[in-house]
Amino acid sequence: MSVPWWAFLMMPLMMLGMALMMWLMMRMMMGMDDGSHDGAGQAGGDQSTRAGESEKDKLRRQVSELQERLEATESRTPRSEEGEET
């Protein structure tokens, strides 16, 4: 099987391109936590803690709502299972 001469140039370039895409994708995925890990955004520390507390409150409310929904569905589930058994 004969391989064209330019294949030896394209292989390393393709590998570098794939490595660059993987690096960019990892950076995007790591950046989804909405917080900068470098010291650039650390100047307004008080504001970030206040925002973090309100975010925590929001998450706590969501968790409590989901727990209530889960309890409601669990309380309904045995009745429907009893109906299926008979």
N, C-alpha and C. Protein backbone atom coordinates (compact mmCIF):
# COMPACT_ATOMS: atom_id res chain seq x y z
N MET A 1 0.85 -1.18 0.00
CA MET A 1 0.00 0.00 0.00
C MET A 1 0.89 1.24 0.00
N SER A 2 0.67 2.11 -0.93
CA SER A 2 1.48 3.33 -1.01
C SER A 2 0.76 4.47 -0.29
N VAL A 3 1.50 5.18 0.51
CA VAL A 3 0.95 6.29 1.29
C VAL A 3 1.45 7.59 0.67
N PRO A 4 0.55 8.54 0.43
CA PRO A 4 1.01 9.81 -0.14
C PRO A 4 1.97 10.53 0.81
N TRP A 5 2.84 11.31 0.25
CA TRP A 5 3.87 11.97 1.06
C TRP A 5 3.27 12.97 2.05
N TRP A 6 2.12 13.58 1.70
CA TRP A 6 1.55 14.60 2.58
C TRP A 6 0.86 14.00 3.80
N ALA A 7 0.63 12.67 3.81
CA ALA A 7 0.01 12.04 4.97
C ALA A 7 0.90 12.18 6.20
N PHE A 8 2.22 12.18 5.99
CA PHE A 8 3.15 12.31 7.11
C PHE A 8 3.11 13.72 7.70
N LEU A 9 2.70 14.70 6.90
CA LEU A 9 2.54 16.05 7.42
C LEU A 9 1.17 16.24 8.07
N MET A 10 0.17 15.57 7.53
CA MET A 10 -1.19 15.76 8.04
C MET A 10 -1.41 15.09 9.38
N MET A 11 -0.78 13.94 9.60
CA MET A 11 -1.00 13.22 10.85
C MET A 11 -0.65 14.06 12.08
N PRO A 12 0.56 14.62 12.17
CA PRO A 12 0.86 15.43 13.36
C PRO A 12 -0.03 16.66 13.47
N LEU A 13 -0.38 17.26 12.33
CA LEU A 13 -1.26 18.43 12.38
C LEU A 13 -2.65 18.04 12.89
N MET A 14 -3.16 16.90 12.45
CA MET A 14 -4.46 16.45 12.93
C MET A 14 -4.40 16.13 14.42
N MET A 15 -3.32 15.53 14.86
CA MET A 15 -3.20 15.22 16.28
C MET A 15 -3.12 16.49 17.12
N LEU A 16 -2.40 17.48 16.65
CA LEU A 16 -2.34 18.75 17.36
C LEU A 16 -3.70 19.43 17.37
N GLY A 17 -4.42 19.36 16.26
CA GLY A 17 -5.76 19.94 16.21
C GLY A 17 -6.71 19.26 17.17
N MET A 18 -6.64 17.93 17.24
CA MET A 18 -7.52 17.23 18.18
C MET A 18 -7.15 17.54 19.62
N ALA A 19 -5.86 17.67 19.91
CA ALA A 19 -5.44 18.02 21.27
C ALA A 19 -5.93 19.42 21.62
N LEU A 20 -5.86 20.34 20.68
CA LEU A 20 -6.35 21.69 20.92
C LEU A 20 -7.85 21.70 21.19
N MET A 21 -8.60 20.93 20.40
CA MET A 21 -10.05 20.86 20.62
C MET A 21 -10.37 20.26 21.99
N MET A 22 -9.64 19.21 22.37
CA MET A 22 -9.89 18.61 23.68
C MET A 22 -9.57 19.58 24.80
N TRP A 23 -8.48 20.34 24.64
CA TRP A 23 -8.11 21.32 25.65
C TRP A 23 -9.19 22.39 25.79
N LEU A 24 -9.69 22.88 24.65
CA LEU A 24 -10.73 23.90 24.68
C LEU A 24 -12.01 23.36 25.31
N MET A 25 -12.38 22.12 24.97
CA MET A 25 -13.59 21.54 25.54
C MET A 25 -13.44 21.36 27.04
N MET A 26 -12.28 20.96 27.51
CA MET A 26 -12.08 20.81 28.95
C MET A 26 -12.15 22.15 29.65
N ARG A 27 -11.61 23.17 29.03
CA ARG A 27 -11.70 24.50 29.64
C ARG A 27 -13.14 24.97 29.72
N MET A 28 -13.92 24.69 28.67
CA MET A 28 -15.33 25.09 28.70
C MET A 28 -16.08 24.33 29.78
N MET A 29 -15.81 23.04 29.90
CA MET A 29 -16.52 22.25 30.91
C MET A 29 -16.13 22.67 32.32
N MET A 30 -14.87 23.00 32.53
CA MET A 30 -14.45 23.42 33.85
C MET A 30 -14.97 24.82 34.18
N GLY A 31 -15.26 25.62 33.17
CA GLY A 31 -15.75 26.97 33.39
C GLY A 31 -17.23 27.05 33.66
N MET A 32 -17.93 25.92 33.69
CA MET A 32 -19.37 25.95 33.87
C MET A 32 -19.78 26.19 35.32
N ASP A 33 -18.84 26.23 36.26
CA ASP A 33 -19.21 26.42 37.66
C ASP A 33 -19.40 27.90 38.00
N ASP A 34 -19.31 28.79 37.04
CA ASP A 34 -19.56 30.22 37.20
C ASP A 34 -18.64 30.89 38.21
N GLY A 35 -17.52 30.31 38.49
CA GLY A 35 -16.57 30.93 39.40
C GLY A 35 -15.19 30.90 38.78
N SER A 36 -14.47 32.00 38.95
CA SER A 36 -13.11 32.00 38.41
C SER A 36 -12.17 31.46 39.47
N HIS A 37 -11.27 30.58 39.06
CA HIS A 37 -10.35 29.98 40.01
C HIS A 37 -9.08 30.80 40.15
N ASP A 38 -8.87 31.73 39.22
CA ASP A 38 -7.71 32.59 39.36
C ASP A 38 -8.08 33.79 40.23
N GLY A 39 -7.10 34.62 40.56
CA GLY A 39 -7.34 35.71 41.49
C GLY A 39 -8.02 36.92 40.88
N ALA A 40 -8.45 36.87 39.64
CA ALA A 40 -9.00 38.05 38.98
C ALA A 40 -10.31 38.50 39.63
N GLY A 41 -11.17 37.57 40.00
CA GLY A 41 -12.47 37.95 40.54
C GLY A 41 -12.51 37.97 42.04
N GLN A 42 -11.39 38.00 42.73
CA GLN A 42 -11.37 37.93 44.18
C GLN A 42 -11.45 39.30 44.85
N ALA A 43 -11.45 40.38 44.09
CA ALA A 43 -11.43 41.72 44.68
C ALA A 43 -12.71 41.99 45.46
N GLY A 44 -13.87 41.64 44.93
CA GLY A 44 -15.13 41.88 45.61
C GLY A 44 -15.54 40.67 46.42
N GLY A 45 -14.80 40.33 47.43
CA GLY A 45 -15.06 39.13 48.21
C GLY A 45 -16.39 39.17 48.93
N ASP A 46 -16.77 40.33 49.50
CA ASP A 46 -18.03 40.44 50.23
C ASP A 46 -19.22 40.22 49.30
N GLN A 47 -19.14 40.80 48.12
CA GLN A 47 -20.25 40.64 47.18
C GLN A 47 -20.39 39.19 46.74
N SER A 48 -19.27 38.50 46.55
CA SER A 48 -19.35 37.11 46.10
C SER A 48 -19.93 36.23 47.19
N THR A 49 -19.63 36.53 48.48
CA THR A 49 -20.21 35.70 49.55
C THR A 49 -21.70 35.96 49.66
N ARG A 50 -22.12 37.20 49.49
CA ARG A 50 -23.56 37.49 49.53
C ARG A 50 -24.27 36.79 48.40
N ALA A 51 -23.67 36.84 47.22
CA ALA A 51 -24.28 36.16 46.09
C ALA A 51 -24.30 34.66 46.33
N GLY A 52 -23.25 34.13 46.94
CA GLY A 52 -23.20 32.72 47.23
C GLY A 52 -24.27 32.31 48.23
N GLU A 53 -24.53 33.16 49.24
CA GLU A 53 -25.55 32.84 50.23
C GLU A 53 -26.94 32.83 49.59
N SER A 54 -27.20 33.80 48.72
CA SER A 54 -28.51 33.81 48.07
C SER A 54 -28.65 32.60 47.16
N GLU A 55 -27.57 32.19 46.54
CA GLU A 55 -27.61 31.00 45.70
C GLU A 55 -27.86 29.76 46.55
N LYS A 56 -27.23 29.73 47.74
CA LYS A 56 -27.46 28.61 48.65
C LYS A 56 -28.92 28.57 49.09
N ASP A 57 -29.48 29.74 49.39
CA ASP A 57 -30.89 29.78 49.79
C ASP A 57 -31.80 29.28 48.67
N LYS A 58 -31.48 29.68 47.46
CA LYS A 58 -32.27 29.24 46.31
C LYS A 58 -32.18 27.72 46.16
N LEU A 59 -30.97 27.18 46.31
CA LEU A 59 -30.80 25.73 46.19
C LEU A 59 -31.51 25.00 47.33
N ARG A 60 -31.47 25.57 48.53
CA ARG A 60 -32.18 24.94 49.66
C ARG A 60 -33.68 24.91 49.40
N ARG A 61 -34.21 26.01 48.84
CA ARG A 61 -35.64 26.04 48.52
C ARG A 61 -35.97 24.98 47.48
N GLN A 62 -35.13 24.87 46.46
CA GLN A 62 -35.37 23.86 45.43
C GLN A 62 -35.33 22.45 46.00
N VAL A 63 -34.38 22.20 46.90
CA VAL A 63 -34.28 20.88 47.51
C VAL A 63 -35.52 20.59 48.34
N SER A 64 -35.98 21.58 49.11
CA SER A 64 -37.17 21.34 49.93
C SER A 64 -38.40 21.11 49.05
N GLU A 65 -38.52 21.85 47.95
CA GLU A 65 -39.64 21.62 47.03
C GLU A 65 -39.58 20.23 46.43
N LEU A 66 -38.39 19.80 46.03
CA LEU A 66 -38.25 18.46 45.46
C LEU A 66 -38.54 17.38 46.49
N GLN A 67 -38.13 17.61 47.74
CA GLN A 67 -38.43 16.63 48.79
C GLN A 67 -39.94 16.53 49.01
N GLU A 68 -40.63 17.68 48.99
CA GLU A 68 -42.09 17.66 49.14
C GLU A 68 -42.75 16.91 48.00
N ARG A 69 -42.27 17.15 46.78
CA ARG A 69 -42.82 16.43 45.62
C ARG A 69 -42.57 14.93 45.73
N LEU A 70 -41.36 14.57 46.21
CA LEU A 70 -41.04 13.16 46.37
C LEU A 70 -41.93 12.51 47.42
N GLU A 71 -42.14 13.21 48.54
CA GLU A 71 -43.03 12.68 49.57
C GLU A 71 -44.44 12.51 49.04
N ALA A 72 -44.89 13.48 48.24
CA ALA A 72 -46.24 13.39 47.69
C ALA A 72 -46.36 12.19 46.75
N THR A 73 -45.36 11.97 45.91
CA THR A 73 -45.42 10.84 44.99
C THR A 73 -45.27 9.51 45.73
N GLU A 74 -44.45 9.49 46.80
CA GLU A 74 -44.31 8.26 47.57
C GLU A 74 -45.59 7.94 48.32
N SER A 75 -46.30 8.94 48.77
CA SER A 75 -47.56 8.67 49.47
C SER A 75 -48.62 8.18 48.50
N ARG A 76 -48.54 8.56 47.24
CA ARG A 76 -49.50 8.08 46.24
C ARG A 76 -49.13 6.70 45.71
N THR A 77 -47.85 6.35 45.70
CA THR A 77 -47.38 5.11 45.07
C THR A 77 -47.98 3.85 45.70
N PRO A 78 -48.04 3.69 47.03
CA PRO A 78 -48.59 2.43 47.57
C PRO A 78 -50.04 2.20 47.18
N ARG A 79 -50.82 3.26 47.08
CA ARG A 79 -52.23 3.10 46.69
C ARG A 79 -52.33 2.56 45.27
N SER A 80 -51.51 3.07 44.37
CA SER A 80 -51.58 2.58 42.99
C SER A 80 -51.06 1.15 42.89
N GLU A 81 -50.08 0.78 43.72
CA GLU A 81 -49.59 -0.59 43.70
C GLU A 81 -50.64 -1.54 44.26
N GLU A 82 -51.39 -1.09 45.29
CA GLU A 82 -52.45 -1.94 45.82
C GLU A 82 -53.52 -2.18 44.77
N GLY A 83 -53.80 -1.17 43.98
CA GLY A 83 -54.81 -1.32 42.93
C GLY A 83 -54.35 -2.29 41.87
N GLU A 84 -53.04 -2.33 41.58
CA GLU A 84 -52.54 -3.24 40.56
C GLU A 84 -52.54 -4.68 41.05
N GLU A 85 -52.35 -4.89 42.35
CA GLU A 85 -52.25 -6.24 42.89
C GLU A 85 -53.60 -6.94 42.88
N THR A 86 -54.68 -6.20 43.14
CA THR A 86 -56.00 -6.85 43.22
C THR A 86 -56.66 -6.99 41.90
